[in-house]
Amino acid sequence: MTAARFAGRVAVVTGGASGIGEATALRLASEAAAVAVVDRDGAGAERTVAAIRAAGGSARAYACDIARSEQVAAAAAAVERELGAVDVLANVAGIGDTAGLEGIETLDDERWSLVLAVNLSGAFYWCRAVLPGMAARGRGAVVNVSSLAGRSKSANGGLAYTASKAGLLGLTRHLAFDYGPRGVRVNAICPGGVDTPMLRAGGVRAAGSDAEAKARGERIAAYGWFMPIKRLSRPEEQAAAIAFLASDDASYVNGVSLDVNGGLYMA
């Protein structure tokens, strides 16, 4: 265990089975939070919990499809019953749209709806489940994981991904305005290219051909050329930003969209 910024606090991390979510769960636990590791992949969430406990931390796994509001409501109730009132919510779970660079004419209803359901509605459902309790206690912090795509466009995630991540920034600003007076801060981070299984895999639809897989690999490699830092981010670097925004060190930071993308996007 390292610094104890979250001692006595309960943190929910969605998408905690892998990537940024896993790194965030490990980071918050290392700073003494009791972590609810939430993921549709229940076995993956259990693996993250095992790693946290092996390091001396406290965590429980919750299998939950965040695109389904009834599952979110049930998971949130279980977290409060088993770990206590939620102090920190990190909405990390997300999916990409497609492996290729398709236009709108080939984006069907099912894929559009799925990406919006996970990336935007899932965060909304979790905020709706925990924000009233935070407000009643006069304390809490939410960090939503948007994307550079939410500010500009996605190089790899597709049209639905871009729309969902832009919507998440709007949700962040609105909730920050509504809940700031009640002691709850709501912020977002905007990663660029992060070396995660989702980035490598291509999202809802994997590469349909060798040529498409090659093109995707070339786009990922191009991050090393375009980014001033000249490499992809590590999930742990995104987790560090999330931990900062969720902590009392950011007590006067509310409604921001923090770019954590190596300088690829400079506002």
C-alpha atoms as a PDB file:
ATOM      1  CA  MET A   1       0.000   0.000   0.000  1.00  0.00           C
ATOM      2  CA  THR A   2       1.107   3.555  -0.781  1.00  0.00           C
ATOM      3  CA  ALA A   3      -0.486   6.898   0.125  1.00  0.00           C
ATOM      4  CA  ALA A   4      -3.862   6.547   1.854  1.00  0.00           C
ATOM      5  CA  ARG A   5      -5.829   9.301   0.100  1.00  0.00           C
ATOM      6  CA  PHE A   6      -8.926   7.066  -0.013  1.00  0.00           C
ATOM      7  CA  ALA A   7      -8.778   5.546   3.458  1.00  0.00           C
ATOM      8  CA  GLY A   8     -12.263   4.814   4.727  1.00  0.00           C
ATOM      9  CA  ARG A   9     -13.825   5.386   1.296  1.00  0.00           C
ATOM     10  CA  VAL A  10     -15.653   3.085  -1.082  1.00  0.00           C
ATOM     11  CA  ALA A  11     -14.892   3.325  -4.793  1.00  0.00           C
ATOM     12  CA  VAL A  12     -16.799   1.782  -7.696  1.00  0.00           C
ATOM     13  CA  VAL A  13     -14.783   1.128 -10.858  1.00  0.00           C
ATOM     14  CA  THR A  14     -16.617  -0.067 -13.946  1.00  0.00           C
ATOM     15  CA  GLY A  15     -14.739  -1.988 -16.614  1.00  0.00           C
ATOM     16  CA  GLY A  16     -12.470  -3.255 -13.871  1.00  0.00           C
ATOM     17  CA  ALA A  17     -11.530  -6.552 -15.505  1.00  0.00           C
ATOM     18  CA  SER A  18      -8.910  -5.132 -17.867  1.00  0.00           C
ATOM     19  CA  GLY A  19      -7.228  -2.070 -19.317  1.00  0.00           C
ATOM     20  CA  ILE A  20      -7.778   1.325 -17.710  1.00  0.00           C
ATOM     21  CA  GLY A  21     -10.457  -0.053 -15.406  1.00  0.00           C
ATOM     22  CA  GLU A  22      -8.181  -2.725 -13.999  1.00  0.00           C
ATOM     23  CA  ALA A  23      -5.364  -0.211 -13.516  1.00  0.00           C
ATOM     24  CA  THR A  24      -7.759   2.205 -11.797  1.00  0.00           C
ATOM     25  CA  ALA A  25      -9.079  -0.425  -9.419  1.00  0.00           C
ATOM     26  CA  LEU A  26      -5.509  -1.393  -8.487  1.00  0.00           C
ATOM     27  CA  ARG A  27      -4.491   2.249  -8.044  1.00  0.00           C
ATOM     28  CA  LEU A  28      -7.428   3.223  -5.822  1.00  0.00           C
ATOM     29  CA  ALA A  29      -6.982   0.086  -3.728  1.00  0.00           C
ATOM     30  CA  SER A  30      -3.283   0.880  -3.327  1.00  0.00           C
ATOM     31  CA  GLU A  31      -4.383   4.188  -1.797  1.00  0.00           C
ATOM     32  CA  ALA A  32      -6.614   2.400   0.737  1.00  0.00           C
ATOM     33  CA  ALA A  33     -10.016   2.514  -0.979  1.00  0.00           C
ATOM     34  CA  ALA A  34     -12.390  -0.425  -0.639  1.00  0.00           C
ATOM     35  CA  VAL A  35     -12.999  -1.089  -4.320  1.00  0.00           C
ATOM     36  CA  ALA A  36     -16.073  -2.519  -6.037  1.00  0.00           C
ATOM     37  CA  VAL A  37     -14.709  -3.986  -9.263  1.00  0.00           C
ATOM     38  CA  VAL A  38     -17.570  -3.998 -11.756  1.00  0.00           C
ATOM     39  CA  ASP A  39     -17.465  -5.715 -15.124  1.00  0.00           C
ATOM     40  CA  ARG A  40     -19.656  -7.777 -17.440  1.00  0.00           C
ATOM     41  CA  ASP A  41     -16.768 -10.257 -17.343  1.00  0.00           C
ATOM     42  CA  GLY A  42     -17.289 -11.550 -13.815  1.00  0.00           C
ATOM     43  CA  ALA A  43     -14.273 -13.851 -13.942  1.00  0.00           C
ATOM     44  CA  GLY A  44     -12.077 -10.958 -15.055  1.00  0.00           C
ATOM     45  CA  ALA A  45     -13.372  -8.811 -12.207  1.00  0.00           C
ATOM     46  CA  GLU A  46     -12.521 -11.622  -9.791  1.00  0.00           C
ATOM     47  CA  ARG A  47      -8.956 -11.712 -11.154  1.00  0.00           C
ATOM     48  CA  THR A  48      -8.574  -7.997 -10.479  1.00  0.00           C
ATOM     49  CA  VAL A  49      -9.935  -8.484  -6.965  1.00  0.00           C
ATOM     50  CA  ALA A  50      -7.469 -11.308  -6.374  1.00  0.00           C
ATOM     51  CA  ALA A  51      -4.589  -9.037  -7.409  1.00  0.00           C
ATOM     52  CA  ILE A  52      -5.807  -6.295  -5.077  1.00  0.00           C
ATOM     53  CA  ARG A  53      -6.116  -8.655  -2.135  1.00  0.00           C
ATOM     54  CA  ALA A  54      -2.702 -10.171  -2.849  1.00  0.00           C
ATOM     55  CA  ALA A  55      -1.256  -6.667  -2.476  1.00  0.00           C
ATOM     56  CA  GLY A  56      -3.046  -6.187   0.847  1.00  0.00           C
ATOM     57  CA  GLY A  57      -6.009  -4.201  -0.428  1.00  0.00           C
ATOM     58  CA  SER A  58      -9.766  -4.540  -0.061  1.00  0.00           C
ATOM     59  CA  ALA A  59     -12.090  -5.305  -2.981  1.00  0.00           C
ATOM     60  CA  ARG A  60     -15.139  -7.239  -4.134  1.00  0.00           C
ATOM     61  CA  ALA A  61     -16.199  -8.218  -7.654  1.00  0.00           C
ATOM     62  CA  TYR A  62     -19.611  -7.474  -9.157  1.00  0.00           C
ATOM     63  CA  ALA A  63     -20.718  -8.960 -12.468  1.00  0.00           C
ATOM     64  CA  CYS A  64     -22.835  -6.333 -14.198  1.00  0.00           C
ATOM     65  CA  ASP A  65     -23.748  -5.391 -17.752  1.00  0.00           C
ATOM     66  CA  ILE A  66     -23.771  -1.615 -17.392  1.00  0.00           C
ATOM     67  CA  ALA A  67     -25.905  -1.247 -20.515  1.00  0.00           C
ATOM     68  CA  ARG A  68     -28.828  -2.693 -18.537  1.00  0.00           C
ATOM     69  CA  SER A  69     -30.234  -0.281 -15.976  1.00  0.00           C
ATOM     70  CA  GLU A  70     -31.745  -2.996 -13.790  1.00  0.00           C
ATOM     71  CA  GLN A  71     -28.367  -4.702 -13.422  1.00  0.00           C
ATOM     72  CA  VAL A  72     -26.737  -1.396 -12.479  1.00  0.00           C
ATOM     73  CA  ALA A  73     -29.395  -0.690  -9.851  1.00  0.00           C
ATOM     74  CA  ALA A  74     -28.949  -4.177  -8.370  1.00  0.00           C
ATOM     75  CA  ALA A  75     -25.143  -3.929  -8.361  1.00  0.00           C
ATOM     76  CA  ALA A  76     -25.212  -0.483  -6.752  1.00  0.00           C
ATOM     77  CA  ALA A  77     -27.497  -1.762  -3.999  1.00  0.00           C
ATOM     78  CA  ALA A  78     -25.197  -4.743  -3.420  1.00  0.00           C
ATOM     79  CA  VAL A  79     -22.132  -2.501  -3.184  1.00  0.00           C
ATOM     80  CA  GLU A  80     -23.778  -0.301  -0.571  1.00  0.00           C
ATOM     81  CA  ARG A  81     -24.966  -3.332   1.375  1.00  0.00           C
ATOM     82  CA  GLU A  82     -21.615  -5.128   1.317  1.00  0.00           C
ATOM     83  CA  LEU A  83     -19.005  -2.347   1.231  1.00  0.00           C
ATOM     84  CA  GLY A  84     -20.841   0.766   2.347  1.00  0.00           C
ATOM     85  CA  ALA A  85     -21.921   4.074   0.834  1.00  0.00           C
ATOM     86  CA  VAL A  86     -20.126   4.972  -2.385  1.00  0.00           C
ATOM     87  CA  ASP A  87     -17.675   7.890  -2.209  1.00  0.00           C
ATOM     88  CA  VAL A  88     -15.983   7.548  -5.612  1.00  0.00           C
ATOM     89  CA  LEU A  89     -17.367   6.439  -8.972  1.00  0.00           C
ATOM     90  CA  ALA A  90     -15.005   5.828 -11.893  1.00  0.00           C
ATOM     91  CA  ASN A  91     -17.006   5.188 -15.063  1.00  0.00           C
ATOM     92  CA  VAL A  92     -14.318   3.464 -17.119  1.00  0.00           C
ATOM     93  CA  ALA A  93     -16.172   0.704 -18.975  1.00  0.00           C
ATOM     94  CA  GLY A  94     -16.491   1.256 -22.693  1.00  0.00           C
ATOM     95  CA  ILE A  95     -16.411  -0.390 -26.096  1.00  0.00           C
ATOM     96  CA  GLY A  96     -15.239   0.683 -29.523  1.00  0.00           C
ATOM     97  CA  ASP A  97     -17.425   0.711 -32.587  1.00  0.00           C
ATOM     98  CA  THR A  98     -15.532  -1.053 -35.320  1.00  0.00           C
ATOM     99  CA  ALA A  99     -12.132  -2.250 -36.440  1.00  0.00           C
ATOM    100  CA  GLY A 100     -12.253  -0.238 -39.646  1.00  0.00           C
ATOM    101  CA  LEU A 101     -13.007   3.303 -40.732  1.00  0.00           C
ATOM    102  CA  GLU A 102     -16.543   2.796 -41.974  1.00  0.00           C
ATOM    103  CA  GLY A 103     -18.900   5.552 -42.972  1.00  0.00           C
ATOM    104  CA  ILE A 104     -22.383   6.138 -41.639  1.00  0.00           C
ATOM    105  CA  GLU A 105     -23.962   4.176 -44.469  1.00  0.00           C
ATOM    106  CA  THR A 106     -22.676   0.855 -43.077  1.00  0.00           C
ATOM    107  CA  LEU A 107     -23.357   1.553 -39.390  1.00  0.00           C
ATOM    108  CA  ASP A 108     -26.475  -0.417 -38.503  1.00  0.00           C
ATOM    109  CA  ASP A 109     -28.961   0.238 -35.700  1.00  0.00           C
ATOM    110  CA  GLU A 110     -27.734  -2.609 -33.529  1.00  0.00           C
ATOM    111  CA  ARG A 111     -24.103  -1.509 -33.399  1.00  0.00           C
ATOM    112  CA  TRP A 112     -25.009   2.165 -32.938  1.00  0.00           C
ATOM    113  CA  SER A 113     -27.349   1.329 -30.048  1.00  0.00           C
ATOM    114  CA  LEU A 114     -24.884  -1.010 -28.362  1.00  0.00           C
ATOM    115  CA  VAL A 115     -22.018   1.495 -28.309  1.00  0.00           C
ATOM    116  CA  LEU A 116     -24.243   4.294 -27.008  1.00  0.00           C
ATOM    117  CA  ALA A 117     -25.766   1.957 -24.413  1.00  0.00           C
ATOM    118  CA  VAL A 118     -22.406   0.968 -22.946  1.00  0.00           C
ATOM    119  CA  ASN A 119     -20.394   4.165 -23.308  1.00  0.00           C
ATOM    120  CA  LEU A 120     -23.030   6.747 -22.456  1.00  0.00           C
ATOM    121  CA  SER A 121     -26.090   5.127 -20.919  1.00  0.00           C
ATOM    122  CA  GLY A 122     -23.954   2.898 -18.681  1.00  0.00           C
ATOM    123  CA  ALA A 123     -22.285   5.937 -17.123  1.00  0.00           C
ATOM    124  CA  PHE A 124     -25.680   7.628 -16.768  1.00  0.00           C
ATOM    125  CA  TYR A 125     -27.146   4.583 -14.998  1.00  0.00           C
ATOM    126  CA  TRP A 126     -24.294   4.449 -12.492  1.00  0.00           C
ATOM    127  CA  CYS A 127     -24.427   8.189 -11.853  1.00  0.00           C
ATOM    128  CA  ARG A 128     -28.170   7.958 -11.296  1.00  0.00           C
ATOM    129  CA  ALA A 129     -27.635   5.110  -8.843  1.00  0.00           C
ATOM    130  CA  VAL A 130     -24.989   6.755  -6.641  1.00  0.00           C
ATOM    131  CA  LEU A 131     -25.169  10.544  -7.005  1.00  0.00           C
ATOM    132  CA  PRO A 132     -28.247  11.053  -4.795  1.00  0.00           C
ATOM    133  CA  GLY A 133     -26.524   9.249  -1.925  1.00  0.00           C
ATOM    134  CA  MET A 134     -23.348  11.268  -2.404  1.00  0.00           C
ATOM    135  CA  ALA A 135     -25.362  14.486  -2.395  1.00  0.00           C
ATOM    136  CA  ALA A 136     -27.230  13.467   0.760  1.00  0.00           C
ATOM    137  CA  ARG A 137     -23.885  12.974   2.529  1.00  0.00           C
ATOM    138  CA  GLY A 138     -22.424  16.164   1.022  1.00  0.00           C
ATOM    139  CA  ARG A 139     -19.352  14.402  -0.390  1.00  0.00           C
ATOM    140  CA  GLY A 140     -18.375  12.438  -3.460  1.00  0.00           C
ATOM    141  CA  ALA A 141     -16.427  12.380  -6.697  1.00  0.00           C
ATOM    142  CA  VAL A 142     -17.221  10.991 -10.133  1.00  0.00           C
ATOM    143  CA  VAL A 143     -14.681  10.566 -12.915  1.00  0.00           C
ATOM    144  CA  ASN A 144     -15.948   9.656 -16.378  1.00  0.00           C
ATOM    145  CA  VAL A 145     -13.559   8.235 -18.955  1.00  0.00           C
ATOM    146  CA  SER A 146     -14.297   9.987 -22.224  1.00  0.00           C
ATOM    147  CA  SER A 147     -11.730  10.185 -25.014  1.00  0.00           C
ATOM    148  CA  LEU A 148      -9.857  12.501 -27.313  1.00  0.00           C
ATOM    149  CA  ALA A 149     -12.595  11.356 -29.710  1.00  0.00           C
ATOM    150  CA  GLY A 150     -15.092  13.244 -27.560  1.00  0.00           C
ATOM    151  CA  ARG A 151     -13.251  16.477 -28.317  1.00  0.00           C
ATOM    152  CA  SER A 152     -12.430  15.786 -31.944  1.00  0.00           C
ATOM    153  CA  LYS A 153     -12.996  12.408 -33.659  1.00  0.00           C
ATOM    154  CA  SER A 154     -11.826   8.860 -33.270  1.00  0.00           C
ATOM    155  CA  ALA A 155      -8.996   7.495 -35.380  1.00  0.00           C
ATOM    156  CA  ASN A 156      -9.867   3.902 -34.502  1.00  0.00           C
ATOM    157  CA  GLY A 157     -13.141   3.692 -32.585  1.00  0.00           C
ATOM    158  CA  GLY A 158     -15.682   4.665 -35.227  1.00  0.00           C
ATOM    159  CA  LEU A 159     -18.607   7.060 -35.518  1.00  0.00           C
ATOM    160  CA  ALA A 160     -20.730   5.702 -32.664  1.00  0.00           C
ATOM    161  CA  TYR A 161     -17.712   5.772 -30.363  1.00  0.00           C
ATOM    162  CA  THR A 162     -17.050   9.430 -31.145  1.00  0.00           C
ATOM    163  CA  ALA A 163     -20.689  10.360 -30.548  1.00  0.00           C
ATOM    164  CA  SER A 164     -20.852   8.444 -27.274  1.00  0.00           C
ATOM    165  CA  LYS A 165     -17.688   9.998 -25.888  1.00  0.00           C
ATOM    166  CA  ALA A 166     -18.809  13.514 -26.830  1.00  0.00           C
ATOM    167  CA  GLY A 167     -22.085  12.835 -25.078  1.00  0.00           C
ATOM    168  CA  LEU A 168     -20.196  11.722 -21.982  1.00  0.00           C
ATOM    169  CA  LEU A 169     -18.474  15.109 -21.800  1.00  0.00           C
ATOM    170  CA  GLY A 170     -21.869  16.814 -21.940  1.00  0.00           C
ATOM    171  CA  LEU A 171     -23.158  14.561 -19.181  1.00  0.00           C
ATOM    172  CA  THR A 172     -20.075  15.406 -17.098  1.00  0.00           C
ATOM    173  CA  ARG A 173     -20.573  19.168 -17.424  1.00  0.00           C
ATOM    174  CA  HIS A 174     -24.282  19.042 -16.643  1.00  0.00           C
ATOM    175  CA  LEU A 175     -23.865  16.857 -13.560  1.00  0.00           C
ATOM    176  CA  ALA A 176     -20.948  18.993 -12.335  1.00  0.00           C
ATOM    177  CA  PHE A 177     -23.201  22.046 -12.464  1.00  0.00           C
ATOM    178  CA  ASP A 178     -26.110  20.279 -10.761  1.00  0.00           C
ATOM    179  CA  TYR A 179     -24.183  18.491  -8.017  1.00  0.00           C
ATOM    180  CA  GLY A 180     -21.293  20.859  -7.281  1.00  0.00           C
ATOM    181  CA  PRO A 181     -23.453  22.866  -4.847  1.00  0.00           C
ATOM    182  CA  ARG A 182     -24.159  19.626  -2.997  1.00  0.00           C
ATOM    183  CA  GLY A 183     -20.538  18.700  -2.405  1.00  0.00           C
ATOM    184  CA  VAL A 184     -20.114  16.290  -5.313  1.00  0.00           C
ATOM    185  CA  ARG A 185     -17.525  16.873  -8.028  1.00  0.00           C
ATOM    186  CA  VAL A 186     -17.920  15.383 -11.521  1.00  0.00           C
ATOM    187  CA  ASN A 187     -14.992  15.405 -13.930  1.00  0.00           C
ATOM    188  CA  ALA A 188     -13.754  13.504 -16.972  1.00  0.00           C
ATOM    189  CA  ILE A 189     -10.495  12.445 -18.535  1.00  0.00           C
ATOM    190  CA  CYS A 190      -9.847  12.325 -22.277  1.00  0.00           C
ATOM    191  CA  PRO A 191      -7.251   9.675 -23.103  1.00  0.00           C
ATOM    192  CA  GLY A 192      -5.682   9.391 -26.526  1.00  0.00           C
ATOM    193  CA  GLY A 193      -4.146   6.119 -27.600  1.00  0.00           C
ATOM    194  CA  VAL A 194      -3.889   3.758 -24.615  1.00  0.00           C
ATOM    195  CA  ASP A 195      -2.341   0.316 -24.981  1.00  0.00           C
ATOM    196  CA  THR A 196      -5.323  -1.753 -23.860  1.00  0.00           C
ATOM    197  CA  PRO A 197      -6.977  -4.954 -25.087  1.00  0.00           C
ATOM    198  CA  MET A 198      -9.833  -2.865 -26.518  1.00  0.00           C
ATOM    199  CA  LEU A 199      -7.503  -0.787 -28.679  1.00  0.00           C
ATOM    200  CA  ARG A 200      -5.750  -3.873 -29.966  1.00  0.00           C
ATOM    201  CA  ALA A 201      -8.913  -5.880 -30.579  1.00  0.00           C
ATOM    202  CA  GLY A 202     -10.960  -3.321 -32.467  1.00  0.00           C
ATOM    203  CA  GLY A 203     -14.206  -3.153 -30.544  1.00  0.00           C
ATOM    204  CA  VAL A 204     -17.577  -4.594 -31.508  1.00  0.00           C
ATOM    205  CA  ARG A 205     -16.448  -5.913 -34.859  1.00  0.00           C
ATOM    206  CA  ALA A 206     -12.970  -7.349 -35.203  1.00  0.00           C
ATOM    207  CA  ALA A 207     -10.990  -6.880 -38.385  1.00  0.00           C
ATOM    208  CA  GLY A 208     -12.760  -8.587 -41.252  1.00  0.00           C
ATOM    209  CA  SER A 209      -9.670  -9.223 -43.354  1.00  0.00           C
ATOM    210  CA  ASP A 210      -5.887  -9.333 -43.194  1.00  0.00           C
ATOM    211  CA  ALA A 211      -5.766  -5.997 -45.007  1.00  0.00           C
ATOM    212  CA  GLU A 212      -8.074  -4.388 -42.460  1.00  0.00           C
ATOM    213  CA  ALA A 213      -6.048  -5.806 -39.562  1.00  0.00           C
ATOM    214  CA  LYS A 214      -2.870  -4.466 -41.150  1.00  0.00           C
ATOM    215  CA  ALA A 215      -4.405  -1.037 -41.641  1.00  0.00           C
ATOM    216  CA  ARG A 216      -5.501  -0.938 -38.025  1.00  0.00           C
ATOM    217  CA  GLY A 217      -2.008  -1.890 -36.869  1.00  0.00           C
ATOM    218  CA  GLU A 218      -0.567   0.906 -38.955  1.00  0.00           C
ATOM    219  CA  ARG A 219      -2.952   3.442 -37.422  1.00  0.00           C
ATOM    220  CA  ILE A 220      -2.033   2.326 -33.923  1.00  0.00           C
ATOM    221  CA  ALA A 221       1.678   2.526 -34.743  1.00  0.00           C
ATOM    222  CA  ALA A 222       1.135   6.043 -36.115  1.00  0.00           C
ATOM    223  CA  TYR A 223       0.391   7.276 -32.600  1.00  0.00           C
ATOM    224  CA  GLY A 224       4.115   7.002 -31.961  1.00  0.00           C
ATOM    225  CA  TRP A 225       4.735   9.478 -34.746  1.00  0.00           C
ATOM    226  CA  PHE A 226       1.905  11.951 -34.103  1.00  0.00           C
ATOM    227  CA  MET A 227       2.129  12.163 -30.303  1.00  0.00           C
ATOM    228  CA  PRO A 228       4.694  14.578 -28.873  1.00  0.00           C
ATOM    229  CA  ILE A 229       5.527  11.938 -26.248  1.00  0.00           C
ATOM    230  CA  LYS A 230       6.053   9.426 -29.120  1.00  0.00           C
ATOM    231  CA  ARG A 231       4.317   6.400 -27.614  1.00  0.00           C
ATOM    232  CA  LEU A 232       0.981   5.007 -26.529  1.00  0.00           C
ATOM    233  CA  SER A 233      -0.111   5.637 -22.969  1.00  0.00           C
ATOM    234  CA  ARG A 234      -0.031   2.918 -20.335  1.00  0.00           C
ATOM    235  CA  PRO A 235      -3.295   2.201 -18.492  1.00  0.00           C
ATOM    236  CA  GLU A 236      -1.545   3.086 -15.224  1.00  0.00           C
ATOM    237  CA  GLU A 237      -1.006   6.654 -16.462  1.00  0.00           C
ATOM    238  CA  GLN A 238      -4.733   7.087 -17.021  1.00  0.00           C
ATOM    239  CA  ALA A 239      -5.437   5.552 -13.619  1.00  0.00           C
ATOM    240  CA  ALA A 240      -3.152   8.116 -11.984  1.00  0.00           C
ATOM    241  CA  ALA A 241      -5.182  10.954 -13.515  1.00  0.00           C
ATOM    242  CA  ILE A 242      -8.434   9.353 -12.391  1.00  0.00           C
ATOM    243  CA  ALA A 243      -7.085   8.945  -8.859  1.00  0.00           C
ATOM    244  CA  PHE A 244      -6.075  12.608  -8.755  1.00  0.00           C
ATOM    245  CA  LEU A 245      -9.494  13.856  -9.862  1.00  0.00           C
ATOM    246  CA  ALA A 246     -11.237  11.523  -7.426  1.00  0.00           C
ATOM    247  CA  SER A 247      -9.067  12.611  -4.480  1.00  0.00           C
ATOM    248  CA  ASP A 248      -9.231  15.584  -2.165  1.00  0.00           C
ATOM    249  CA  ASP A 249      -6.131  16.904  -3.942  1.00  0.00           C
ATOM    250  CA  ALA A 250      -8.597  17.993  -6.646  1.00  0.00           C
ATOM    251  CA  SER A 251     -11.110  19.435  -4.180  1.00  0.00           C
ATOM    252  CA  TYR A 252     -11.660  22.574  -6.294  1.00  0.00           C
ATOM    253  CA  VAL A 253     -11.674  20.832  -9.665  1.00  0.00           C
ATOM    254  CA  ASN A 254     -15.180  20.346 -11.037  1.00  0.00           C
ATOM    255  CA  GLY A 255     -16.601  19.955 -14.540  1.00  0.00           C
ATOM    256  CA  VAL A 256     -13.246  19.630 -16.284  1.00  0.00           C
ATOM    257  CA  SER A 257     -12.293  17.384 -19.179  1.00  0.00           C
ATOM    258  CA  LEU A 258      -8.647  16.588 -18.503  1.00  0.00           C
ATOM    259  CA  ASP A 259      -6.580  15.696 -21.567  1.00  0.00           C
ATOM    260  CA  VAL A 260      -4.331  12.720 -20.807  1.00  0.00           C
ATOM    261  CA  ASN A 261      -3.145  12.060 -24.331  1.00  0.00           C
ATOM    262  CA  GLY A 262       0.548  12.916 -24.486  1.00  0.00           C
ATOM    263  CA  GLY A 263      -0.078  16.275 -26.125  1.00  0.00           C
ATOM    264  CA  LEU A 264      -1.860  14.873 -29.176  1.00  0.00           C
ATOM    265  CA  TYR A 265      -4.724  17.269 -28.475  1.00  0.00           C
ATOM    266  CA  MET A 266      -3.781  20.686 -27.118  1.00  0.00           C
ATOM    267  CA  ALA A 267      -6.585  23.044 -26.157  1.00  0.00           C
END
